[in-house]
C-alpha cells in the first residue's frame, strides 16, 4: 500500500511542479487556476507526509511535505501569521538541501 501511495504522491507532486512552471512560463491562467495549484500542493504534501515508514529516514521529504501543506493552506484556507514567508523559504531551502544530500 505504501508503494502505491508513494507513487501517487510523486505523480501529484510532478503535476503540481509542471503546472506551476508552465503557468508561470507562458503566463497561463484561468478562473480557479490558483486554487487548483494550491489544492495540488496540499494534496501532494499530505500524501508525502502519509508515507510514514517509507520515507521516515528522509527528513528532506518530510520538510517538502510540510512546505507543500503550508503553501496550500496559506492560499486555500487563508492561513497566515507574521513571518510565514520566511518560514516557507527556510523550509524550501532545508528540504532542497536535505533531499540533495540524502540522495
Protein backbone atom coordinates (compact mmCIF):
# COMPACT_ATOMS: atom_id res chain seq x y z
CA UNK A 1 0.00 0.00 0.00
CA UNK A 2 2.78 2.44 0.83
CA UNK A 3 4.30 1.91 -2.62
CA UNK A 4 1.06 2.93 -4.34
CA UNK A 5 0.64 5.97 -2.07
CA UNK A 6 4.26 6.95 -2.66
CA UNK A 7 3.77 6.70 -6.43
CA UNK A 8 0.57 8.77 -6.26
CA UNK A 9 2.33 11.35 -4.07
CA UNK A 10 5.13 11.69 -6.61
CA UNK A 11 2.66 11.93 -9.51
CA UNK A 12 0.66 14.68 -7.78
CA UNK A 13 3.92 16.47 -6.92
CA UNK A 14 5.11 16.17 -10.54
CA UNK A 15 1.81 17.51 -11.90
CA UNK A 16 1.99 20.43 -9.47
CA UNK A 17 5.59 21.22 -10.46
CA UNK A 18 4.88 21.03 -14.19
CA UNK A 19 1.68 23.09 -13.93
CA UNK A 20 3.36 25.71 -11.74
CA UNK A 21 6.23 26.04 -14.19
CA UNK A 22 4.04 26.16 -17.28
CA UNK A 23 1.58 28.63 -15.80
CA UNK A 24 4.44 31.00 -14.93
CA UNK A 25 6.45 30.42 -18.11
CA UNK A 26 3.68 31.03 -20.64
CA UNK A 27 1.66 33.35 -18.41
CA UNK A 28 -1.21 30.88 -18.45
CA UNK A 29 -4.13 31.29 -16.12
CA UNK A 30 -7.81 30.53 -15.96
CA UNK A 31 -10.53 31.04 -13.42
CA UNK A 32 -9.58 28.91 -10.46
CA UNK A 33 -6.05 28.08 -11.67
CA UNK A 34 -4.53 29.37 -8.43
CA UNK A 35 -6.93 27.25 -6.41
CA UNK A 36 -6.10 24.16 -8.50
CA UNK A 37 -2.36 24.66 -7.94
CA UNK A 38 -2.84 25.18 -4.20
CA UNK A 39 -5.03 22.10 -3.85
CA UNK A 40 -2.44 20.06 -5.78
CA UNK A 41 0.29 21.35 -3.44
CA UNK A 42 -1.82 20.49 -0.39
CA UNK A 43 -2.64 17.01 -1.73
CA UNK A 44 0.99 16.26 -2.62
CA UNK A 45 2.14 17.40 0.81
CA UNK A 46 -0.42 15.29 2.66
CA UNK A 47 0.38 12.22 0.53
CA UNK A 48 4.10 12.68 1.17
CA UNK A 49 3.53 13.02 4.91
CA UNK A 50 1.31 9.89 4.91
CA UNK A 51 4.26 7.81 3.76
CA UNK A 52 5.21 7.10 7.37
CA UNK A 53 7.89 4.41 7.50
CA UNK A 54 8.54 4.59 3.78
CA UNK A 55 10.33 7.95 3.98
CA UNK A 56 10.89 8.15 7.74
CA UNK A 57 14.65 8.49 7.31
CA UNK A 58 14.21 11.12 4.62
CA UNK A 59 13.90 14.35 6.58
CA UNK A 60 14.13 16.32 3.33
CA UNK A 61 10.94 14.68 2.05
CA UNK A 62 9.18 15.39 5.35
CA UNK A 63 10.17 19.05 5.09
CA UNK A 64 8.97 19.08 1.49
CA UNK A 65 5.62 17.66 2.62
CA UNK A 66 5.30 20.27 5.34
CA UNK A 67 6.22 23.03 2.87
CA UNK A 68 3.61 21.84 0.37
CA UNK A 69 0.89 21.61 3.02
CA UNK A 70 1.69 25.07 4.40
CA UNK A 71 1.86 26.59 0.92
CA UNK A 72 -1.52 25.10 0.07
CA UNK A 73 -3.11 26.14 3.36
CA UNK A 74 -1.82 29.70 3.12
CA UNK A 75 -3.77 30.21 -0.10
CA UNK A 76 -6.75 27.86 0.21
CA UNK A 77 -7.65 28.41 3.86
CA UNK A 78 -6.04 31.86 4.07
CA UNK A 79 -3.80 30.71 6.92
CA UNK A 80 -1.36 33.44 7.80
CA UNK A 81 0.92 34.62 10.53
CA UNK A 82 3.76 37.06 10.79
CA UNK A 83 6.84 35.60 9.16
CA UNK A 84 5.02 32.95 7.09
CA UNK A 85 7.10 33.77 4.01
CA UNK A 86 10.33 33.39 5.99
CA UNK A 87 9.15 30.01 7.32
CA UNK A 88 8.19 28.82 3.83
CA UNK A 89 11.51 29.97 2.37
CA UNK A 90 13.54 28.29 5.11
CA UNK A 91 11.55 25.06 4.74
CA UNK A 92 12.14 25.14 0.97
CA UNK A 93 15.90 25.64 1.40
CA UNK A 94 16.13 22.96 4.07
CA UNK A 95 14.05 20.46 2.10
CA UNK A 96 16.01 21.02 -1.10
CA UNK A 97 19.39 20.77 0.59
CA UNK A 98 18.48 17.63 2.55
CA UNK A 99 16.94 15.91 -0.47
CA UNK A 100 20.15 16.53 -2.40
CA UNK A 101 22.31 15.34 0.50
CA UNK A 102 20.21 12.23 1.17
CA UNK A 103 20.46 11.01 -2.42
